[in-house]
Amino acid sequence: MKPSTPTRIRIAWALAIGVDALQLGLFPISGSLSTWVDKPLDLAAMGVLWYLVGWHWALLPTFVVELVPFVELVPTWTLAVWLITRKQKSLHLRPSA
């Protein structure tokens, strides 16, 4: 697994927040078409996040929860990135000795 750099973590946060915001914004417009728009977006988000921060158990349940109608409106990608990076961020913020 590649070590997560501060830049990768920032990109992961931006991606997760962006995907969650896009899904929330598209729901009223797409309605029943959200399955055809959201699912490929969720699959892509999981793949890119996996690439950016490495594999973490939080990615799989997040993807599965995104398959449930209306639950997909919860910002699960943002929560997953928080779970993945909560300890990694503290390591990058500590001054080196």
C-alpha atoms as a PDB file:
ATOM      1  CA  MET A   1       0.000   0.000   0.000  1.00  0.00           C
ATOM      2  CA  LYS A   2       1.274   3.448  -0.899  1.00  0.00           C
ATOM      3  CA  PRO A   3       1.682   5.818   2.025  1.00  0.00           C
ATOM      4  CA  SER A   4      -0.985   8.497   2.069  1.00  0.00           C
ATOM      5  CA  THR A   5       0.493  11.919   1.567  1.00  0.00           C
ATOM      6  CA  PRO A   6      -1.220  15.115   2.737  1.00  0.00           C
ATOM      7  CA  THR A   7      -2.001  15.901  -0.916  1.00  0.00           C
ATOM      8  CA  ARG A   8      -3.673  12.516  -1.458  1.00  0.00           C
ATOM      9  CA  ILE A   9      -5.706  13.003   1.708  1.00  0.00           C
ATOM     10  CA  ARG A  10      -6.848  16.468   0.598  1.00  0.00           C
ATOM     11  CA  ILE A  11      -7.856  15.121  -2.824  1.00  0.00           C
ATOM     12  CA  ALA A  12      -9.725  12.242  -1.169  1.00  0.00           C
ATOM     13  CA  TRP A  13     -11.637  14.688   1.031  1.00  0.00           C
ATOM     14  CA  ALA A  14     -12.497  16.897  -1.933  1.00  0.00           C
ATOM     15  CA  LEU A  15     -13.642  13.903  -3.979  1.00  0.00           C
ATOM     16  CA  ALA A  16     -15.786  12.444  -1.189  1.00  0.00           C
ATOM     17  CA  ILE A  17     -17.467  15.768  -0.402  1.00  0.00           C
ATOM     18  CA  GLY A  18     -17.944  16.463  -4.104  1.00  0.00           C
ATOM     19  CA  VAL A  19     -19.522  13.072  -4.853  1.00  0.00           C
ATOM     20  CA  ASP A  20     -21.856  13.323  -1.846  1.00  0.00           C
ATOM     21  CA  ALA A  21     -22.883  16.871  -2.792  1.00  0.00           C
ATOM     22  CA  LEU A  22     -23.418  15.891  -6.433  1.00  0.00           C
ATOM     23  CA  GLN A  23     -25.594  12.926  -5.461  1.00  0.00           C
ATOM     24  CA  LEU A  24     -27.647  15.065  -3.119  1.00  0.00           C
ATOM     25  CA  GLY A  25     -28.047  17.737  -5.791  1.00  0.00           C
ATOM     26  CA  LEU A  26     -28.922  15.296  -8.567  1.00  0.00           C
ATOM     27  CA  PHE A  27     -31.571  13.411  -6.608  1.00  0.00           C
ATOM     28  CA  PRO A  28     -34.440  15.882  -7.158  1.00  0.00           C
ATOM     29  CA  ILE A  29     -33.548  16.143 -10.844  1.00  0.00           C
ATOM     30  CA  SER A  30     -32.857  12.505 -11.652  1.00  0.00           C
ATOM     31  CA  GLY A  31     -35.383  10.826  -9.326  1.00  0.00           C
ATOM     32  CA  SER A  32     -35.776   7.291 -10.611  1.00  0.00           C
ATOM     33  CA  LEU A  33     -32.819   7.719 -12.955  1.00  0.00           C
ATOM     34  CA  SER A  34     -30.541   8.149  -9.950  1.00  0.00           C
ATOM     35  CA  THR A  35     -29.684   4.447 -10.142  1.00  0.00           C
ATOM     36  CA  TRP A  36     -28.174   4.897 -13.597  1.00  0.00           C
ATOM     37  CA  VAL A  37     -26.281   8.028 -12.566  1.00  0.00           C
ATOM     38  CA  ASP A  38     -25.338   7.321  -8.943  1.00  0.00           C
ATOM     39  CA  LYS A  39     -24.156   3.723  -9.119  1.00  0.00           C
ATOM     40  CA  PRO A  40     -21.382   4.281 -11.699  1.00  0.00           C
ATOM     41  CA  LEU A  41     -20.415   7.404  -9.742  1.00  0.00           C
ATOM     42  CA  ASP A  42     -20.228   5.361  -6.518  1.00  0.00           C
ATOM     43  CA  LEU A  43     -18.132   2.681  -8.199  1.00  0.00           C
ATOM     44  CA  ALA A  44     -15.760   5.309  -9.586  1.00  0.00           C
ATOM     45  CA  ALA A  45     -15.567   7.056  -6.194  1.00  0.00           C
ATOM     46  CA  MET A  46     -14.673   3.808  -4.456  1.00  0.00           C
ATOM     47  CA  GLY A  47     -11.969   3.045  -7.022  1.00  0.00           C
ATOM     48  CA  VAL A  48     -10.400   6.489  -6.906  1.00  0.00           C
ATOM     49  CA  LEU A  49     -10.527   6.646  -3.098  1.00  0.00           C
ATOM     50  CA  TRP A  50      -8.940   3.201  -2.941  1.00  0.00           C
ATOM     51  CA  TYR A  51      -6.162   4.483  -5.200  1.00  0.00           C
ATOM     52  CA  LEU A  52      -5.684   7.687  -3.187  1.00  0.00           C
ATOM     53  CA  VAL A  53      -5.712   6.394   0.383  1.00  0.00           C
ATOM     54  CA  GLY A  54      -5.364   2.635  -0.013  1.00  0.00           C
ATOM     55  CA  TRP A  55      -7.775  -0.142   0.843  1.00  0.00           C
ATOM     56  CA  HIS A  56      -9.761   0.298   4.042  1.00  0.00           C
ATOM     57  CA  TRP A  57     -12.693  -1.676   5.406  1.00  0.00           C
ATOM     58  CA  ALA A  58     -14.874   1.494   5.357  1.00  0.00           C
ATOM     59  CA  LEU A  59     -14.983   1.540   1.549  1.00  0.00           C
ATOM     60  CA  LEU A  60     -16.933  -1.691   1.090  1.00  0.00           C
ATOM     61  CA  PRO A  61     -19.841  -1.011   3.501  1.00  0.00           C
ATOM     62  CA  THR A  62     -20.063   2.518   2.132  1.00  0.00           C
ATOM     63  CA  PHE A  63     -20.485   1.191  -1.395  1.00  0.00           C
ATOM     64  CA  VAL A  64     -23.127  -1.311  -0.236  1.00  0.00           C
ATOM     65  CA  VAL A  65     -25.052   1.350   1.714  1.00  0.00           C
ATOM     66  CA  GLU A  66     -25.036   3.568  -1.382  1.00  0.00           C
ATOM     67  CA  LEU A  67     -27.070   0.869  -3.174  1.00  0.00           C
ATOM     68  CA  VAL A  68     -30.031   1.363  -0.803  1.00  0.00           C
ATOM     69  CA  PRO A  69     -32.567   3.916  -2.117  1.00  0.00           C
ATOM     70  CA  PHE A  70     -32.790   7.174  -0.125  1.00  0.00           C
ATOM     71  CA  VAL A  71     -29.953   6.068   2.177  1.00  0.00           C
ATOM     72  CA  GLU A  72     -27.699   7.099  -0.678  1.00  0.00           C
ATOM     73  CA  LEU A  73     -28.476  10.703   0.265  1.00  0.00           C
ATOM     74  CA  VAL A  74     -26.463  10.353   3.470  1.00  0.00           C
ATOM     75  CA  PRO A  75     -22.878  11.637   2.986  1.00  0.00           C
ATOM     76  CA  THR A  76     -21.362   8.178   3.309  1.00  0.00           C
ATOM     77  CA  TRP A  77     -18.263   8.820   1.177  1.00  0.00           C
ATOM     78  CA  THR A  78     -17.341  11.757   3.391  1.00  0.00           C
ATOM     79  CA  LEU A  79     -17.827   9.566   6.467  1.00  0.00           C
ATOM     80  CA  ALA A  80     -15.681   6.823   4.927  1.00  0.00           C
ATOM     81  CA  VAL A  81     -12.836   9.250   4.191  1.00  0.00           C
ATOM     82  CA  TRP A  82     -13.065  10.565   7.736  1.00  0.00           C
ATOM     83  CA  LEU A  83     -12.811   7.004   9.087  1.00  0.00           C
ATOM     84  CA  ILE A  84      -9.855   6.241   6.823  1.00  0.00           C
ATOM     85  CA  THR A  85      -7.885   9.431   7.428  1.00  0.00           C
ATOM     86  CA  ARG A  86      -8.662  10.272  11.049  1.00  0.00           C
ATOM     87  CA  LYS A  87      -5.456   8.611  12.278  1.00  0.00           C
ATOM     88  CA  GLN A  88      -3.390   9.293   9.163  1.00  0.00           C
ATOM     89  CA  LYS A  89      -3.937  13.045   9.354  1.00  0.00           C
ATOM     90  CA  SER A  90      -2.620  13.187  12.901  1.00  0.00           C
ATOM     91  CA  LEU A  91       0.561  11.434  11.779  1.00  0.00           C
ATOM     92  CA  HIS A  92       1.165  14.027   9.056  1.00  0.00           C
ATOM     93  CA  LEU A  93       0.528  16.970  11.363  1.00  0.00           C
ATOM     94  CA  ARG A  94       3.072  15.959  13.985  1.00  0.00           C
ATOM     95  CA  PRO A  95       6.455  17.645  13.674  1.00  0.00           C
ATOM     96  CA  SER A  96       9.252  15.235  12.933  1.00  0.00           C
ATOM     97  CA  ALA A  97      11.824  14.796  15.663  1.00  0.00           C
END
